[in-house]
Amino acid sequence: MPGAIRLDEGLGISYDYLQACDWVGPEGPGSSLRFKFFYGHMSWSASEAKRELSAKTGIWIPLRASADLLLREPDSSFEEPL
């Protein structure tokens, strides 16, 4: 999607909601089946991120995840979506 920040192959982030809607709309090139909207975000300064992600604090556990995992649909109504 134009203007999006590429995170990985087929995975990006954008803060332009209207552009995202146009991109996955009927006339857009994107697929609404492989697109998720998340509202809100959290950001830190470099020093805050280093502290938050430190193994000593144990607040966050950074890991690698594939686009397929992040964009997949739940297998059943009992499974929570990401």
Protein backbone atom coordinates (compact mmCIF):
# COMPACT_ATOMS: atom_id res chain seq x y z
CA MET A 1 0.00 0.00 0.00
CA PRO A 2 1.49 3.36 -0.93
CA GLY A 3 2.78 5.25 2.10
CA ALA A 4 2.81 2.18 4.35
CA ILE A 5 5.91 1.25 6.33
CA ARG A 6 7.02 -2.21 5.18
CA LEU A 7 7.55 -4.58 8.11
CA ASP A 8 8.10 -7.74 6.08
CA GLU A 9 7.07 -9.28 2.77
CA GLY A 10 3.32 -8.66 2.50
CA LEU A 11 3.14 -6.97 5.90
CA GLY A 12 3.11 -3.25 6.56
CA ILE A 13 1.70 -0.56 8.80
CA SER A 14 -0.04 2.68 7.90
CA TYR A 15 -1.71 5.40 9.90
CA ASP A 16 -3.91 6.56 7.00
CA TYR A 17 -7.30 4.93 7.61
CA LEU A 18 -9.02 6.41 4.55
CA GLN A 19 -6.21 5.35 2.23
CA ALA A 20 -6.37 1.84 3.68
CA CYS A 21 -10.13 1.71 3.08
CA ASP A 22 -9.62 2.80 -0.52
CA TRP A 23 -6.83 0.25 -1.00
CA VAL A 24 -9.00 -2.73 0.04
CA GLY A 25 -12.23 -1.33 -1.42
CA PRO A 26 -13.97 -2.64 -4.56
CA GLU A 27 -11.81 -0.50 -6.87
CA GLY A 28 -8.56 -0.90 -4.91
CA PRO A 29 -5.68 -3.28 -5.62
CA GLY A 30 -5.57 -4.78 -2.12
CA SER A 31 -7.37 -7.85 -0.83
CA SER A 32 -9.77 -7.34 2.06
CA LEU A 33 -9.28 -11.03 2.87
CA ARG A 34 -5.63 -10.41 3.79
CA PHE A 35 -6.05 -7.08 5.53
CA LYS A 36 -6.75 -6.19 9.16
CA PHE A 37 -7.51 -2.88 10.78
CA PHE A 38 -6.15 -2.27 14.27
CA TYR A 39 -7.15 0.86 16.11
CA GLY A 40 -4.64 2.65 18.29
CA HIS A 41 -0.98 2.07 18.88
CA MET A 42 1.68 2.46 21.49
CA SER A 43 5.03 4.08 20.92
CA TRP A 44 8.09 4.65 23.04
CA SER A 45 11.28 6.63 22.88
CA ALA A 46 14.41 4.56 22.21
CA SER A 47 15.31 4.42 25.92
CA GLU A 48 11.75 3.49 26.93
CA ALA A 49 11.63 0.71 24.32
CA LYS A 50 14.97 -0.66 25.50
CA ARG A 51 13.70 -0.75 29.09
CA GLU A 52 10.29 -2.21 28.14
CA LEU A 53 11.83 -4.95 25.97
CA SER A 54 14.62 -5.82 28.41
CA ALA A 55 14.71 -9.45 29.50
CA LYS A 56 15.21 -8.21 33.08
CA THR A 57 11.82 -6.51 33.25
CA GLY A 58 9.92 -9.38 31.63
CA ILE A 59 7.16 -7.00 30.55
CA TRP A 60 7.26 -7.94 26.87
CA ILE A 61 8.59 -11.00 25.11
CA PRO A 62 9.73 -10.03 21.60
CA LEU A 63 9.43 -12.77 19.00
CA ARG A 64 9.35 -13.27 15.28
CA ALA A 65 5.97 -13.99 13.75
CA SER A 66 4.97 -14.61 10.16
CA ALA A 67 2.45 -12.50 8.26
CA ASP A 68 0.34 -15.67 7.94
CA LEU A 69 0.09 -15.96 11.71
CA LEU A 70 -0.76 -12.29 12.19
CA LEU A 71 -3.35 -12.18 9.39
CA ARG A 72 -4.99 -15.56 9.78
CA GLU A 73 -8.64 -15.95 10.65
CA PRO A 74 -9.72 -17.90 13.76
CA ASP A 75 -10.47 -21.59 13.11
CA SER A 76 -13.69 -21.51 15.12
CA SER A 77 -15.98 -19.16 17.01
CA PHE A 78 -14.26 -20.27 20.24
CA GLU A 79 -10.82 -19.08 19.15
CA GLU A 80 -9.95 -15.44 19.80
CA PRO A 81 -8.65 -13.43 16.82
CA LEU A 82 -5.30 -11.67 17.12
